[in-house]
Amino acid sequence: MTRGSDIDSAAREEALTPLTLKRVGIDTYRENVAYMHRECDRYRAEGFQALAKVEVRADGRRILATLNVVDDAAIVGCGELGLSEDAFASLDAAEGSPVNIRQAEPPASIPAMRRKLAGERLTRDDFRGIIRDIAERRYSKIELTAFVVACDLGELDREEVFYLSDAMSRVGRRLDWHEQPVVDKHCIGGVPGNRTSMLLVPIVAAHGLLCPKTSSRAITSPSGTADTMEVLARVDMPFDELGELVRTHRGCLAWGGTSELSPADDVLISVERPLSVDSPGQMVASILSKKIAAGSTHLLLDLPIGPHAKVRSMPEAHRLRKLFEFVARRLGLTLDVVITDGSQPVGRGIGPALEARDVMRVLTNHAEAPMDLRQKALRLAGRMLEFDPDVRGGDGFGLARDILDDGRALNRMRAIIQAQGAHAFDPEHPPLAPHTLEVTAHCDGAVTALDNLQLARIARLAGAPRAIGAGVDLAVRIGDAVCAGQPLYRLYAASPNELTFARQACERDRGVAIGSPDGIVRLNVEG
């Protein structure tokens, strides 16, 4: 569109009566959606169409949104413009304010996106243009889907993965903590109960390393690190407050949703999750762009493998590690990849309160602390401590164990919890959901497998993570001998209906295989 047509459009807009802003209570999951009545004068005058991209302006602020057309005046009247919850929060204007709407400019990067859809290799500038438009919400869900699928089917080469990662890290907030090293840890996921971050942060922070850990909430799992930490303390914090906390205590465990770090990643995830698309290139770009934007200089990557983890085999793990290492090196990020055993959940609890109980029991050196969670956390913490140039290679594990055993990690965790805003929590009596079911073995034998996906699904059906006390409390590990009728795990459900759903899932598949000890497959992972 030319400058002259911009002026004409603005003049026409000024001549039209503004609409009245209305908040429409619909969660559109990271998509700005506007709602306009079909009989609205502005709808007819501008020639809008459903699913068109529009620009909404109020009080000097503007957002881009996807237009939905409605016929029900109870949703929006003819003189109103409705905004979904995401769009209303983004515009940040009061309900009832005058608001204007017009056609949005088409994204300048669409030709590059179409070339990718045709299988072409894109340049660094192509990816920067696409990511900038995605972060500014210029792409519709259909266009986003086309880009995600094109990248998945086209299997980005490693240079393209670097270009994508770099472009994503440059859009939005980019932090500089003015010191090195700034350490962080990430797990690619797929293993329930794997709350090692909540142990690593207090250990490395107690040593003195800076570890500003921002984590995600659960999307498809029974709990994310932020969900579990929220049982203990507030995690939704203004960034300036969070920065001061990190400088004081050398670490934090907060939700990253308000930090505006690599915002294009959050938009892409909103499409990738429903499509179950998680290609290696997109995974690498998602993780590394967030860490670079957060100011990390050193990253420990936990890469679990197992029959029900995201990565199923050692050859696949090695290919993914090489891709991570290549892109991290090009981004100037020091990376240490640890391949771990993802054949079963880590810890006993699956669900926010149960996982918080496990974490606090490890920190307090409780007699019933899950040893697998403790040992994995110490192994990873030891590798992180070796990012410190004053710690010799191989000494990290012993140093981490000392910090945990003598109470320094516990004291640091308590300080972080208090600084973030403590919630009342007793690890001896966690706030568990009221409706319970004990799931037992149907025969004698040995536990030969634990299905991460099925156990996570059962915990979600029971209400986790929405209900913090819902989930699964495991009583067995792979290799344990069991007798018929012996408890395998206890379910905690938030309501009778959710208990019914979880029980029905258990009846179809308990998620625990029992057979001969000879059928147990042990994974050989890196030390």
Protein backbone atom coordinates (compact mmCIF):
# COMPACT_ATOMS: atom_id res chain seq x y z
CA MET A 1 0.00 0.00 0.00
CA THR A 2 1.37 3.47 -0.88
CA ARG A 3 1.79 6.38 1.45
CA GLY A 4 -1.13 8.15 -0.29
CA SER A 5 -3.47 5.25 0.34
CA ASP A 6 -2.36 5.18 3.99
CA ILE A 7 -3.45 8.82 4.31
CA ASP A 8 -6.75 8.09 2.60
CA SER A 9 -7.39 5.14 4.92
CA ALA A 10 -6.58 7.21 8.01
CA ALA A 11 -8.85 10.04 6.85
CA ARG A 12 -11.69 7.61 6.18
CA GLU A 13 -11.20 6.09 9.62
CA GLU A 14 -11.35 9.50 11.30
CA ALA A 15 -14.66 10.17 9.54
CA LEU A 16 -16.23 7.04 11.00
CA THR A 17 -17.62 6.83 14.51
CA PRO A 18 -15.32 4.80 16.82
CA LEU A 19 -16.62 1.53 18.15
CA THR A 20 -16.90 0.73 21.86
CA LEU A 21 -14.40 -1.77 23.23
CA LYS A 22 -15.90 -4.90 24.82
CA ARG A 23 -14.03 -7.67 26.60
CA VAL A 24 -15.19 -11.08 25.37
CA GLY A 25 -14.35 -13.80 27.87
CA ILE A 26 -12.90 -16.31 25.43
CA ASP A 27 -9.44 -17.85 25.84
CA THR A 28 -7.96 -18.01 22.32
CA TYR A 29 -4.58 -19.33 23.50
CA ARG A 30 -1.97 -16.80 22.39
CA GLU A 31 -3.98 -15.54 19.44
CA ASN A 32 -5.47 -12.06 19.26
CA VAL A 33 -9.07 -12.36 18.06
CA ALA A 34 -11.49 -9.48 17.42
CA TYR A 35 -15.28 -9.91 17.21
CA MET A 36 -17.54 -7.68 15.08
CA HIS A 37 -21.28 -7.91 14.44
CA ARG A 38 -22.26 -8.64 10.84
CA GLU A 39 -24.65 -5.66 10.82
CA CYS A 40 -22.02 -3.23 12.09
CA ASP A 41 -21.69 -0.17 9.84
CA ARG A 42 -17.89 -0.38 10.02
CA TYR A 43 -17.98 -4.03 8.92
CA ARG A 44 -19.86 -3.12 5.74
CA ALA A 45 -17.94 0.12 5.08
CA GLU A 46 -14.49 -1.47 5.27
CA GLY A 47 -15.41 -4.66 3.42
CA PHE A 48 -14.03 -6.90 6.17
CA GLN A 49 -14.13 -10.68 5.84
CA ALA A 50 -14.08 -13.34 8.52
CA LEU A 51 -10.52 -14.47 9.46
CA ALA A 52 -9.02 -11.30 7.93
CA LYS A 53 -6.15 -9.65 9.77
CA VAL A 54 -7.15 -6.29 11.24
CA GLU A 55 -5.40 -3.51 13.11
CA VAL A 56 -7.11 -2.38 16.32
CA ARG A 57 -6.17 0.95 17.88
CA ALA A 58 -7.17 2.60 21.14
CA ASP A 59 -5.59 5.44 23.10
CA GLY A 60 -2.39 5.42 21.05
CA ARG A 61 -1.88 1.66 21.30
CA ARG A 62 -2.35 -0.88 18.53
CA ILE A 63 -2.55 -4.62 18.10
CA LEU A 64 -3.10 -6.95 15.17
CA ALA A 65 -5.92 -9.47 15.46
CA THR A 66 -7.87 -12.06 13.48
CA LEU A 67 -11.45 -10.96 12.81
CA ASN A 68 -14.38 -13.21 13.71
CA VAL A 69 -17.84 -12.14 12.50
CA VAL A 70 -20.82 -12.82 14.78
CA ASP A 71 -24.59 -12.65 14.43
CA ASP A 72 -25.43 -12.73 18.15
CA ALA A 73 -25.76 -9.27 19.71
CA ALA A 74 -25.23 -10.87 23.12
CA ILE A 75 -21.58 -11.38 22.13
CA VAL A 76 -21.04 -7.94 20.54
CA GLY A 77 -23.53 -5.32 19.44
CA CYS A 78 -23.44 -3.35 16.21
CA GLY A 79 -21.57 -0.47 17.80
CA GLU A 80 -19.06 -2.62 19.66
CA LEU A 81 -15.76 -4.32 18.95
CA GLY A 82 -15.07 -7.39 21.06
CA LEU A 83 -11.62 -8.66 21.94
CA SER A 84 -10.64 -12.09 23.23
CA GLU A 85 -8.83 -12.34 26.56
CA ASP A 86 -5.40 -12.41 24.87
CA ALA A 87 -6.20 -9.45 22.62
CA PHE A 88 -7.78 -7.42 25.43
CA ALA A 89 -4.68 -7.88 27.60
CA SER A 90 -2.38 -6.97 24.68
CA LEU A 91 -4.25 -3.76 23.83
CA ASP A 92 -4.32 -2.78 27.52
CA ALA A 93 -7.27 -0.37 27.18
CA ALA A 94 -10.26 -0.04 29.47
CA GLU A 95 -13.52 -1.74 28.53
CA GLY A 96 -15.87 0.88 27.05
CA SER A 97 -13.04 2.88 25.50
CA PRO A 98 -13.43 4.19 21.93
CA VAL A 99 -11.61 1.91 19.52
CA ASN A 100 -10.88 1.99 15.79
CA ILE A 101 -10.33 -0.89 13.41
CA ARG A 102 -9.01 -1.15 9.86
CA GLN A 103 -7.57 -3.66 7.44
CA ALA A 104 -4.03 -4.73 8.38
CA GLU A 105 -1.13 -4.60 5.99
CA PRO A 106 -0.23 -8.07 4.65
CA PRO A 107 3.01 -9.42 6.19
CA ALA A 108 6.03 -8.47 4.08
CA SER A 109 7.55 -11.91 4.71
CA ILE A 110 4.75 -13.93 3.12
CA PRO A 111 6.70 -14.48 -0.15
CA ALA A 112 9.58 -16.00 1.85
CA MET A 113 7.15 -18.23 3.75
CA ARG A 114 5.68 -19.42 0.45
CA ARG A 115 9.16 -20.22 -0.86
CA LYS A 116 9.72 -22.37 2.23
CA LEU A 117 6.38 -24.06 1.61
CA ALA A 118 7.67 -24.89 -1.87
CA GLY A 119 10.75 -26.54 -0.36
CA GLU A 120 13.31 -23.79 -0.93
CA ARG A 121 16.18 -23.03 1.43
CA LEU A 122 15.76 -19.64 3.14
CA THR A 123 18.37 -17.02 3.99
CA ARG A 124 19.14 -15.40 7.32
CA ASP A 125 17.21 -12.27 6.27
CA ASP A 126 14.24 -14.40 5.21
CA PHE A 127 13.99 -15.95 8.68
CA ARG A 128 14.40 -12.58 10.39
CA GLY A 129 11.52 -11.14 8.37
CA ILE A 130 9.26 -14.13 9.05
CA ILE A 131 9.97 -14.18 12.78
CA ARG A 132 9.48 -10.43 13.12
CA ASP A 133 6.06 -10.68 11.48
CA ILE A 134 5.13 -13.70 13.61
CA ALA A 135 6.09 -11.90 16.84
CA GLU A 136 4.00 -8.90 15.79
CA ARG A 137 1.01 -11.26 15.28
CA ARG A 138 0.83 -10.43 11.55
CA TYR A 139 0.40 -14.08 10.61
CA SER A 140 -2.98 -15.76 10.76
CA LYS A 141 -3.25 -19.24 12.30
CA ILE A 142 -3.46 -20.68 8.76
CA GLU A 143 -0.25 -18.92 7.71
CA LEU A 144 1.49 -19.96 10.93
CA THR A 145 0.45 -23.55 10.33
CA ALA A 146 1.82 -23.41 6.80
CA PHE A 147 5.20 -22.17 8.06
CA VAL A 148 5.41 -24.75 10.86
CA VAL A 149 4.50 -27.63 8.56
CA ALA A 150 6.89 -26.41 5.85
CA CYS A 151 9.75 -26.36 8.36
CA ASP A 152 8.78 -29.78 9.65
CA LEU A 153 8.39 -31.52 6.30
CA GLY A 154 11.31 -29.67 4.74
CA GLU A 155 13.67 -30.62 7.60
CA LEU A 156 15.64 -27.43 8.03
CA ASP A 157 19.36 -27.89 7.44
CA ARG A 158 21.64 -26.94 10.30
CA GLU A 159 22.40 -23.45 8.89
CA GLU A 160 18.66 -22.76 8.65
CA VAL A 161 18.20 -23.93 12.24
CA PHE A 162 20.86 -21.41 13.27
CA TYR A 163 19.18 -18.66 11.24
CA LEU A 164 15.81 -19.48 12.85
CA SER A 165 17.29 -19.60 16.38
CA ASP A 166 19.15 -16.33 15.89
CA ALA A 167 16.09 -14.57 14.47
CA MET A 168 13.88 -15.75 17.34
CA SER A 169 16.39 -14.62 19.98
CA ARG A 170 16.57 -11.10 18.50
CA VAL A 171 12.84 -10.33 18.66
CA GLY A 172 11.53 -9.19 22.04
CA ARG A 173 13.45 -8.57 25.24
CA ARG A 174 17.12 -9.55 25.34
CA LEU A 175 18.82 -9.51 28.72
CA ASP A 176 22.37 -8.78 29.76
CA TRP A 177 23.31 -9.62 33.35
CA HIS A 178 26.73 -7.97 32.97
CA GLU A 179 28.65 -10.97 34.26
CA GLN A 180 29.80 -14.44 33.28
CA PRO A 181 29.01 -17.22 33.58
CA VAL A 182 25.22 -16.99 33.62
CA VAL A 183 24.10 -20.61 33.85
CA ASP A 184 20.83 -22.32 33.00
CA LYS A 185 19.44 -25.79 32.54
CA HIS A 186 16.79 -27.21 30.25
CA CYS A 187 15.25 -30.65 29.79
CA ILE A 188 13.64 -31.46 26.46
CA GLY A 189 10.81 -33.20 28.35
CA GLY A 190 8.77 -36.35 28.15
CA VAL A 191 9.59 -37.65 31.65
CA PRO A 192 7.00 -37.06 34.43
CA GLY A 193 8.14 -35.88 37.84
CA ASN A 194 11.50 -34.71 36.56
CA ARG A 195 11.77 -31.66 38.85
CA THR A 196 15.57 -31.43 38.92
CA SER A 197 15.56 -27.68 38.14
CA MET A 198 14.08 -26.97 41.56
CA LEU A 199 17.13 -28.65 43.10
CA LEU A 200 19.77 -27.40 40.69
CA VAL A 201 18.92 -23.72 41.13
CA PRO A 202 19.42 -23.59 44.92
CA ILE A 203 22.57 -25.74 44.69
CA VAL A 204 24.34 -23.64 42.04
CA ALA A 205 23.03 -20.37 43.51
CA ALA A 206 24.36 -21.35 46.94
CA HIS A 207 27.75 -21.90 45.28
CA GLY A 208 27.55 -18.37 43.86
CA LEU A 209 26.76 -18.93 40.18
CA LEU A 210 24.04 -16.73 38.67
CA CYS A 211 21.08 -18.88 37.62
CA PRO A 212 17.97 -16.86 36.56
CA LYS A 213 15.66 -19.81 35.85
CA THR A 214 12.45 -18.95 34.05
CA SER A 215 10.31 -22.00 33.34
CA SER A 216 7.12 -22.93 31.54
CA ARG A 217 3.74 -24.06 32.74
CA ALA A 218 2.39 -27.42 31.66
CA ILE A 219 0.79 -27.62 28.24
CA THR A 220 0.37 -31.36 27.74
CA SER A 221 2.06 -32.66 30.92
CA PRO A 222 0.68 -33.06 34.48
CA SER A 223 2.97 -30.29 35.75
CA GLY A 224 5.63 -27.89 34.57
CA THR A 225 8.40 -26.50 36.74
CA ALA A 226 6.44 -23.26 37.15
CA ASP A 227 3.31 -25.20 38.21
CA THR A 228 5.25 -27.15 40.85
CA MET A 229 7.11 -24.08 42.13
CA GLU A 230 3.79 -22.22 42.40
CA VAL A 231 2.78 -24.68 45.12
CA LEU A 232 5.63 -23.20 47.19
CA ALA A 233 5.77 -19.56 46.07
CA ARG A 234 4.53 -16.95 43.63
CA VAL A 235 5.99 -17.42 40.14
CA ASP A 236 4.23 -14.66 38.18
CA MET A 237 6.49 -11.68 38.90
CA PRO A 238 7.22 -8.34 37.17
CA PHE A 239 10.55 -8.60 35.44
CA ASP A 240 12.20 -5.70 37.31
CA GLU A 241 11.29 -7.33 40.63
CA LEU A 242 12.61 -10.64 39.37
CA GLY A 243 15.91 -9.06 38.32
CA GLU A 244 16.47 -7.61 41.77
CA LEU A 245 15.66 -10.98 43.36
CA VAL A 246 18.18 -12.76 41.12
CA ARG A 247 20.93 -10.29 41.89
CA THR A 248 20.29 -10.67 45.62
CA HIS A 249 19.88 -14.45 45.84
CA ARG A 250 21.77 -15.52 42.68
CA GLY A 251 18.79 -17.45 41.37
CA CYS A 252 15.03 -17.70 40.90
CA LEU A 253 12.36 -20.18 39.83
CA ALA A 254 9.75 -18.13 38.02
CA TRP A 255 7.26 -18.40 35.17
CA GLY A 256 8.65 -17.04 31.89
CA GLY A 257 5.28 -16.14 30.39
CA THR A 258 5.50 -12.41 31.12
CA SER A 259 9.18 -11.90 30.28
CA GLU A 260 8.75 -11.31 26.50
CA LEU A 261 11.80 -13.45 25.80
CA SER A 262 11.67 -14.83 22.24
CA PRO A 263 7.93 -14.05 21.94
CA ALA A 264 7.73 -15.59 18.46
CA ASP A 265 8.42 -18.96 20.08
CA ASP A 266 5.26 -18.69 22.19
CA VAL A 267 3.21 -17.94 19.07
CA LEU A 268 4.71 -20.88 17.17
CA ILE A 269 4.10 -23.24 20.10
CA SER A 270 0.39 -22.37 19.98
CA VAL A 271 0.31 -24.05 16.56
CA GLU A 272 2.91 -26.78 17.08
CA ARG A 273 1.21 -28.31 20.12
CA PRO A 274 -2.21 -29.01 18.55
CA LEU A 275 -0.47 -30.41 15.45
CA SER A 276 1.90 -32.53 17.60
CA VAL A 277 4.75 -31.08 15.53
CA ASP A 278 8.07 -31.02 17.34
CA SER A 279 10.76 -31.38 14.67
CA PRO A 280 14.42 -31.34 15.77
CA GLY A 281 15.10 -27.99 14.10
CA GLN A 282 12.12 -26.27 15.69
CA MET A 283 12.95 -27.80 19.08
CA VAL A 284 16.53 -26.54 18.96
CA ALA A 285 15.46 -23.06 17.87
CA SER A 286 12.78 -22.86 20.56
CA ILE A 287 15.09 -23.83 23.41
CA LEU A 288 18.26 -21.98 22.42
CA SER A 289 16.54 -18.74 21.38
CA LYS A 290 14.90 -18.49 24.82
CA LYS A 291 18.21 -19.08 26.61
CA ILE A 292 20.13 -16.56 24.50
CA ALA A 293 17.40 -13.95 24.97
CA ALA A 294 17.49 -14.58 28.73
CA GLY A 295 21.18 -13.68 28.83
CA SER A 296 22.49 -17.19 29.49
CA THR A 297 26.11 -17.82 28.59
CA HIS A 298 26.27 -21.48 29.67
CA LEU A 299 23.53 -24.09 29.30
CA LEU A 300 23.20 -27.63 30.59
CA LEU A 301 20.83 -29.67 28.44
CA ASP A 302 19.16 -32.78 29.88
CA LEU A 303 18.34 -35.13 27.01
CA PRO A 304 16.38 -38.16 28.34
CA ILE A 305 15.97 -41.24 26.17
CA GLY A 306 13.49 -44.06 26.63
CA PRO A 307 10.68 -45.99 24.94
CA HIS A 308 8.10 -43.39 25.99
CA ALA A 309 10.29 -40.26 26.08
CA LYS A 310 10.56 -37.65 23.31
CA VAL A 311 13.82 -39.25 22.17
CA ARG A 312 13.53 -43.01 21.81
CA SER A 313 17.07 -44.22 20.90
CA MET A 314 20.73 -43.44 21.43
CA PRO A 315 21.44 -42.77 17.71
CA GLU A 316 18.57 -40.25 17.69
CA ALA A 317 19.97 -38.65 20.86
CA HIS A 318 23.43 -38.29 19.32
CA ARG A 319 22.03 -36.67 16.16
CA LEU A 320 20.03 -34.19 18.24
CA ARG A 321 23.03 -33.44 20.46
CA LYS A 322 25.20 -32.62 17.44
CA LEU A 323 22.55 -30.23 16.12
CA PHE A 324 22.25 -28.50 19.51
CA GLU A 325 26.04 -28.22 19.75
CA PHE A 326 26.40 -26.75 16.25
CA VAL A 327 23.73 -24.08 16.74
CA ALA A 328 24.85 -23.23 20.28
CA ARG A 329 28.41 -22.74 19.07
CA ARG A 330 27.25 -20.38 16.30
CA LEU A 331 25.19 -18.42 18.84
CA GLY A 332 28.17 -18.11 21.21
CA LEU A 333 26.54 -20.26 23.91
CA THR A 334 28.59 -22.77 25.92
CA LEU A 335 26.61 -26.02 25.95
CA ASP A 336 26.94 -29.28 27.88
CA VAL A 337 24.53 -32.05 26.82
CA VAL A 338 23.85 -34.88 29.25
CA ILE A 339 22.02 -37.95 27.94
CA THR A 340 19.96 -39.44 30.77
CA ASP A 341 17.68 -42.39 31.45
CA GLY A 342 14.11 -41.48 30.49
CA SER A 343 12.63 -44.96 30.74
CA GLN A 344 10.49 -44.13 33.80
CA PRO A 345 9.30 -41.14 35.87
CA VAL A 346 11.83 -39.41 38.14
CA GLY A 347 10.72 -39.23 41.76
CA ARG A 348 7.49 -40.61 43.18
CA GLY A 349 5.02 -37.83 42.51
CA ILE A 350 3.37 -36.84 39.23
CA GLY A 351 1.42 -33.62 39.73
CA PRO A 352 2.27 -30.20 41.30
CA ALA A 353 1.85 -30.86 45.05
CA LEU A 354 3.30 -34.38 44.89
CA GLU A 355 6.33 -33.15 42.96
CA ALA A 356 6.82 -30.24 45.38
CA ARG A 357 6.76 -32.76 48.24
CA ASP A 358 9.52 -34.78 46.54
CA VAL A 359 11.67 -31.70 45.97
CA MET A 360 11.41 -30.51 49.56
CA ARG A 361 12.15 -34.00 50.88
CA VAL A 362 15.36 -34.09 48.85
CA LEU A 363 16.35 -30.61 50.06
CA THR A 364 15.69 -31.53 53.71
CA ASN A 365 17.49 -34.90 53.36
CA HIS A 366 14.28 -36.63 54.42
CA ALA A 367 14.39 -40.39 54.98
CA GLU A 368 11.69 -40.87 52.31
CA ALA A 369 13.28 -38.59 49.74
CA PRO A 370 13.25 -40.24 46.27
CA MET A 371 16.84 -41.29 45.65
CA ASP A 372 16.54 -41.25 41.85
CA LEU A 373 15.56 -37.57 41.93
CA ARG A 374 18.38 -36.79 44.36
CA GLN A 375 21.02 -38.62 42.31
CA LYS A 376 19.96 -37.17 38.98
CA ALA A 377 19.86 -33.65 40.44
CA LEU A 378 23.34 -34.05 41.93
CA ARG A 379 24.71 -35.36 38.65
CA LEU A 380 23.30 -32.42 36.70
CA ALA A 381 24.19 -29.86 39.37
CA GLY A 382 27.74 -31.16 39.36
CA ARG A 383 28.01 -30.57 35.63
CA MET A 384 26.62 -27.05 36.06
CA LEU A 385 29.07 -26.25 38.86
CA GLU A 386 31.87 -27.18 36.48
CA PHE A 387 30.92 -24.17 34.35
CA ASP A 388 32.70 -22.26 37.14
CA PRO A 389 36.33 -21.92 35.98
CA ASP A 390 37.45 -22.41 39.59
CA VAL A 391 35.86 -25.89 39.77
CA ARG A 392 37.95 -28.65 38.24
CA GLY A 393 36.33 -31.16 35.91
CA GLY A 394 35.06 -34.14 37.87
CA ASP A 395 34.80 -32.25 41.18
CA GLY A 396 31.30 -30.91 40.60
CA PHE A 397 29.33 -33.90 41.85
CA GLY A 398 31.07 -33.97 45.25
CA LEU A 399 30.70 -30.21 45.59
CA ALA A 400 26.98 -30.38 44.76
CA ARG A 401 26.50 -33.22 47.28
CA ASP A 402 28.19 -31.19 50.01
CA ILE A 403 26.00 -28.15 49.31
CA LEU A 404 22.88 -30.32 49.49
CA ASP A 405 23.90 -32.39 52.53
CA ASP A 406 25.03 -29.50 54.75
CA GLY A 407 21.81 -27.50 54.25
CA ARG A 408 23.14 -24.66 52.09
CA ALA A 409 20.83 -25.61 49.21
CA LEU A 410 17.83 -25.75 51.55
CA ASN A 411 18.65 -22.35 53.02
CA ARG A 412 19.01 -20.84 49.56
CA MET A 413 15.72 -22.37 48.42
CA ARG A 414 13.95 -20.99 51.48
CA ALA A 415 15.39 -17.54 50.75
CA ILE A 416 14.22 -17.68 47.13
CA ILE A 417 10.75 -18.87 48.20
CA GLN A 418 10.43 -16.03 50.70
CA ALA A 419 11.66 -13.46 48.18
CA GLN A 420 9.19 -14.64 45.53
CA GLY A 421 6.31 -14.71 48.04
CA ALA A 422 5.95 -17.91 50.03
CA HIS A 423 2.83 -20.06 50.03
CA ALA A 424 2.04 -22.23 53.04
CA PHE A 425 3.28 -25.77 52.33
CA ASP A 426 4.03 -28.70 54.60
CA PRO A 427 5.89 -31.50 52.76
CA GLU A 428 4.68 -33.96 55.42
CA HIS A 429 1.06 -33.04 54.71
CA PRO A 430 0.91 -31.67 51.14
CA PRO A 431 -2.47 -30.33 49.90
CA LEU A 432 -3.55 -33.48 48.09
CA ALA A 433 -6.84 -33.86 46.22
CA PRO A 434 -9.62 -35.53 48.26
CA HIS A 435 -10.73 -38.38 45.99
CA THR A 436 -8.35 -41.34 45.97
CA LEU A 437 -7.91 -44.74 44.36
CA GLU A 438 -5.23 -47.34 44.98
CA VAL A 439 -4.15 -49.10 41.77
CA THR A 440 -2.79 -52.58 42.45
CA ALA A 441 -0.86 -55.31 40.65
CA HIS A 442 -3.00 -57.91 38.87
CA CYS A 443 -0.39 -60.69 39.20
CA ASP A 444 2.92 -61.66 40.78
CA GLY A 445 6.13 -60.73 39.00
CA ALA A 446 8.56 -57.89 38.46
CA VAL A 447 7.87 -54.36 37.19
CA THR A 448 9.33 -54.50 33.69
CA ALA A 449 8.25 -51.08 32.42
CA LEU A 450 6.59 -47.82 33.44
CA ASP A 451 4.81 -45.98 30.63
CA ASN A 452 5.59 -42.27 30.98
CA LEU A 453 2.89 -41.22 28.54
CA GLN A 454 0.10 -43.29 30.12
CA LEU A 455 0.98 -42.31 33.70
CA ALA A 456 1.08 -38.65 32.69
CA ARG A 457 -2.28 -39.04 30.96
CA ILE A 458 -3.82 -40.64 34.06
CA ALA A 459 -2.52 -37.79 36.24
CA ARG A 460 -4.03 -35.22 33.88
CA LEU A 461 -7.37 -37.03 33.85
CA ALA A 462 -7.30 -36.85 37.64
CA GLY A 463 -7.09 -33.04 37.39
CA ALA A 464 -3.39 -32.14 37.29
CA PRO A 465 -2.05 -29.51 36.89
CA ARG A 466 -5.22 -27.42 37.22
CA ALA A 467 -5.84 -28.98 40.65
CA ILE A 468 -2.47 -28.77 42.40
CA GLY A 469 -3.19 -31.76 44.65
CA ALA A 470 -4.21 -34.10 41.84
CA GLY A 471 -1.90 -36.70 40.33
CA VAL A 472 -0.21 -40.05 40.74
CA ASP A 473 1.94 -41.15 43.71
CA LEU A 474 4.13 -44.04 42.57
CA ALA A 475 4.98 -46.94 44.88
CA VAL A 476 7.16 -48.99 42.50
CA ARG A 477 10.14 -48.65 40.16
CA ILE A 478 11.34 -50.76 37.26
CA GLY A 479 12.85 -53.97 38.63
CA ASP A 480 10.76 -54.10 41.82
CA ALA A 481 9.19 -57.48 42.69
CA VAL A 482 5.43 -57.27 43.30
CA CYS A 483 2.66 -59.60 44.39
CA ALA A 484 -0.92 -59.64 43.16
CA GLY A 485 -2.90 -56.97 45.01
CA GLN A 486 0.19 -54.96 45.97
CA PRO A 487 -0.18 -51.18 45.45
CA LEU A 488 1.48 -49.81 42.30
CA TYR A 489 0.42 -46.21 42.84
CA ARG A 490 -2.27 -44.08 44.43
CA LEU A 491 -4.44 -41.70 42.45
CA TYR A 492 -5.50 -38.31 43.83
CA ALA A 493 -8.38 -36.72 41.92
CA ALA A 494 -9.94 -33.30 42.29
CA SER A 495 -13.56 -34.44 41.81
CA PRO A 496 -15.60 -37.66 41.62
CA ASN A 497 -15.93 -37.29 37.85
CA GLU A 498 -12.18 -36.87 37.39
CA LEU A 499 -11.59 -39.91 39.58
CA THR A 500 -13.95 -41.85 37.31
CA PHE A 501 -12.10 -40.71 34.17
CA ALA A 502 -8.72 -41.63 35.68
CA ARG A 503 -10.01 -44.99 36.95
CA GLN A 504 -11.37 -45.88 33.50
CA ALA A 505 -7.99 -45.06 31.96
CA CYS A 506 -6.29 -47.29 34.56
CA GLU A 507 -8.66 -50.14 33.77
CA ARG A 508 -7.68 -49.94 30.11
CA ASP A 509 -3.95 -49.56 30.83
CA ARG A 510 -2.36 -49.13 34.27
CA GLY A 511 0.84 -47.79 32.73
CA VAL A 512 2.80 -50.44 34.68
CA ALA A 513 3.97 -53.66 32.96
CA ILE A 514 4.51 -56.75 35.15
CA GLY A 515 6.33 -59.83 33.93
CA SER A 516 9.51 -61.84 34.26
CA PRO A 517 12.69 -60.09 35.46
CA ASP A 518 14.29 -61.39 32.26
CA GLY A 519 12.08 -58.98 30.29
CA ILE A 520 13.58 -55.85 31.85
CA VAL A 521 15.54 -53.74 29.36
CA ARG A 522 18.21 -51.58 30.98
CA LEU A 523 19.36 -48.44 29.19
CA ASN A 524 23.04 -47.61 28.94
CA VAL A 525 23.34 -43.84 29.05
CA GLU A 526 26.29 -41.49 29.39
CA GLY A 527 27.97 -41.03 32.74
